Protein backbone atom coordinates (compact mmCIF):
# COMPACT_ATOMS: atom_id res chain seq x y z
CA MET A 1 39.15 9.10 -73.78
CA THR A 2 35.39 9.67 -74.01
CA ILE A 3 32.51 7.24 -73.66
CA ALA A 4 28.88 7.73 -74.66
CA ALA A 5 26.91 8.30 -71.45
CA TYR A 6 23.13 7.88 -71.47
CA ARG A 7 21.44 10.48 -69.26
CA PHE A 8 18.21 9.54 -67.47
CA ASP A 9 15.65 11.29 -65.31
CA ILE A 10 14.05 8.82 -62.89
CA ARG A 11 10.84 9.88 -61.12
CA LEU A 12 8.80 8.14 -58.48
CA GLU A 13 5.19 8.04 -59.67
CA GLU A 14 2.13 9.20 -57.74
CA ILE A 15 3.85 11.35 -55.13
CA GLU A 16 3.96 15.09 -54.37
CA PRO A 17 6.26 16.92 -54.21
CA PRO A 18 8.17 15.16 -56.98
CA ILE A 19 10.99 12.81 -56.01
CA TRP A 20 13.53 12.30 -58.77
CA TRP A 21 17.09 11.36 -59.59
CA ARG A 22 19.26 12.09 -62.58
CA ILE A 23 21.89 9.53 -63.53
CA ARG A 24 24.27 8.86 -66.39
CA VAL A 25 25.35 5.37 -67.37
CA PRO A 26 27.62 4.01 -70.09
CA GLY A 27 25.87 3.50 -73.41
CA ASN A 28 26.83 -0.18 -73.48
CA TYR A 29 24.73 -0.97 -70.40
CA THR A 30 22.00 -3.61 -70.32
CA PHE A 31 18.72 -3.25 -68.46
CA TRP A 32 20.32 -5.22 -65.59
CA ASP A 33 23.14 -2.67 -65.45
CA LEU A 34 20.60 0.17 -65.48
CA HIS A 35 18.71 -1.53 -62.65
CA VAL A 36 21.92 -1.72 -60.58
CA ALA A 37 22.67 1.96 -61.25
CA ILE A 38 19.15 2.92 -60.14
CA GLN A 39 19.49 0.80 -57.00
CA ASP A 40 22.83 2.40 -56.17
CA ALA A 41 21.59 5.94 -56.83
CA MET A 42 18.72 5.32 -54.40
CA GLY A 43 20.92 3.66 -51.81
CA TRP A 44 18.94 0.43 -52.03
CA LEU A 45 20.41 -3.05 -51.67
CA ASP A 46 18.52 -4.99 -54.35
CA TYR A 47 16.33 -7.05 -52.01
CA HIS A 48 13.23 -7.22 -54.26
CA LEU A 49 12.28 -8.30 -57.75
CA HIS A 50 12.22 -5.64 -60.42
CA PRO A 51 10.85 -5.55 -63.92
CA PHE A 52 10.96 -2.97 -66.63
CA PRO A 53 7.42 -3.91 -67.78
CA ARG A 54 7.75 -2.33 -71.20
CA ALA A 55 10.09 0.00 -72.95
CA GLU A 56 7.66 2.44 -74.50
CA SER A 57 9.89 3.55 -77.32
CA GLY A 58 12.59 2.29 -79.64
CA ASP A 59 11.53 -1.35 -80.05
CA ARG A 60 7.73 -1.32 -79.83
CA SER A 61 7.62 -5.13 -79.68
CA ALA A 62 9.32 -5.03 -76.29
CA ARG A 63 8.27 -7.41 -73.53
CA ALA A 64 8.92 -7.15 -69.83
CA ASN A 65 12.49 -7.68 -68.74
CA GLY A 66 14.14 -8.14 -65.37
CA ILE A 67 14.81 -11.44 -63.60
CA PRO A 68 13.16 -14.37 -65.40
CA ASP A 69 10.87 -16.44 -63.22
CA ASP A 70 8.84 -19.56 -63.79
CA GLU A 71 5.76 -17.65 -62.65
CA SER A 72 4.73 -14.86 -65.00
CA PHE A 73 3.50 -11.81 -63.14
CA LEU A 74 3.08 -9.22 -65.87
CA ASP A 75 0.17 -9.87 -68.22
CA ASP A 76 1.08 -13.57 -68.21
CA GLU A 77 4.08 -12.88 -70.46
CA PRO A 78 7.42 -14.43 -69.59
CA CYS A 79 9.96 -11.95 -68.28
CA LEU A 80 13.11 -11.65 -70.41
CA ALA A 81 16.57 -11.61 -68.80
CA GLY A 82 17.49 -7.95 -68.35
CA TRP A 83 21.22 -8.72 -68.54
CA LYS A 84 20.76 -9.87 -72.14
CA ILE A 85 18.99 -6.72 -73.36
CA PRO A 86 21.04 -3.60 -74.14
CA ILE A 87 19.45 -0.25 -73.37
CA VAL A 88 20.67 1.19 -76.66
CA GLY A 89 17.86 -0.52 -78.60
CA TYR A 90 15.14 0.95 -76.38
CA PHE A 91 16.33 4.47 -75.64
CA VAL A 92 16.75 6.06 -79.04
CA ASN A 93 15.14 9.51 -78.91
CA ALA A 94 15.07 12.11 -76.16
CA ASN A 95 11.98 11.59 -73.96
CA ASP A 96 11.75 7.86 -74.70
CA THR A 97 10.49 6.25 -71.49
CA ALA A 98 10.30 2.97 -69.63
CA THR A 99 8.63 2.02 -66.39
CA TYR A 100 10.73 0.56 -63.58
CA GLU A 101 8.95 -1.35 -60.83
CA TYR A 102 10.50 -2.36 -57.55
CA ALA A 103 9.21 -4.14 -54.41
CA PHE A 104 5.90 -5.50 -55.70
CA GLY A 105 4.16 -5.45 -52.33
CA ASP A 106 4.99 -1.76 -51.91
CA ASP A 107 4.36 -0.99 -55.59
CA TRP A 108 7.21 1.44 -56.16
CA ARG A 109 6.82 2.61 -59.77
CA TYR A 110 9.21 4.93 -61.53
CA THR A 111 9.21 6.59 -64.92
CA VAL A 112 12.65 6.37 -66.50
CA THR A 113 13.03 9.07 -69.15
CA PHE A 114 15.94 9.11 -71.56
CA GLU A 115 17.22 12.68 -71.79
CA GLY A 116 20.04 12.21 -74.28
CA ILE A 117 23.64 11.22 -74.74
CA ASP A 118 26.61 13.03 -73.23
CA GLU A 119 30.29 12.37 -73.49
CA LEU A 120 31.66 10.96 -70.26
CA ARG A 121 35.26 12.07 -69.93
CA LYS A 122 37.88 10.12 -68.03
CA GLY A 123 38.25 11.56 -64.54
CA GLU A 124 34.85 13.30 -64.58
CA ARG A 125 33.29 13.12 -61.14
CA ALA A 126 29.83 14.63 -61.07
CA LEU A 127 27.09 16.54 -62.91
CA ALA A 128 25.55 19.81 -61.90
CA CYS A 129 22.42 19.42 -59.80
CA LEU A 130 19.29 20.93 -61.24
CA GLY A 131 18.09 23.96 -59.33
CA GLY A 132 21.10 24.61 -57.14
CA PRO A 133 24.75 25.57 -57.07
CA TYR A 134 27.32 23.05 -58.20
CA ASP A 135 30.45 22.30 -56.23
CA PRO A 136 32.43 19.33 -57.64
CA GLU A 137 34.44 19.16 -54.42
CA ALA A 138 31.26 18.49 -52.42
CA PHE A 139 31.03 14.98 -53.85
CA SER A 140 31.84 12.33 -51.28
CA ALA A 141 32.98 9.00 -52.71
CA VAL A 142 32.47 7.49 -49.26
CA ALA A 143 28.78 8.40 -49.24
CA VAL A 144 27.89 6.68 -52.53
CA LYS A 145 28.65 3.11 -53.47
CA PHE A 146 28.28 1.96 -57.07
CA ASP A 147 28.47 -1.78 -57.55
CA ASP A 148 29.79 -3.56 -60.58
CA PRO A 149 26.62 -4.89 -62.27
CA ARG A 150 28.38 -8.08 -63.36
CA ALA A 151 29.63 -8.77 -59.84
CA ARG A 152 26.13 -8.23 -58.46
CA TRP A 153 24.73 -10.62 -61.08
CA ARG A 154 27.31 -13.27 -60.14
CA ASN A 155 26.46 -12.85 -56.45
CA ALA A 156 22.71 -13.06 -57.12
CA PHE A 157 22.67 -15.98 -59.53
CA LEU A 158 25.89 -17.96 -59.17
CA ASN A 159 26.46 -17.62 -55.42
CA PRO A 160 23.00 -17.75 -53.84
CA ASP A 161 22.79 -17.98 -50.06
């Protein structure tokens, strides 16, 4: 069984040398799901607000999406619920981009670049790393934790502390 997997290059802006990640996510993901995948790839625990201020391709009428709040913080536009917006409508062509912001006080800004669509095969464990040898046995499932985006949403919005 194969699934369409969207491949992304994620780069921290305004830093040298470059800091980047490459991830693949199922094509049926929403922006919330993509946010969770980015958080997990970075080893972060989702403690701060995050918007995708604009998807700069696909749907040019895009508004900011993330976690809706009564207080607008991006150009006085309301923030749309990221869990309601599929990525498929925004990432259409290779090199389509979006900005991902995290931890407003620290101003972490990332460029998320859509690289293309791969087929994700059942049982596939890892991708080759750019610029180095690839050993699929070197992957440690213990070292990386990927949350279920729906479970994280339930914990954040249905079971608040």
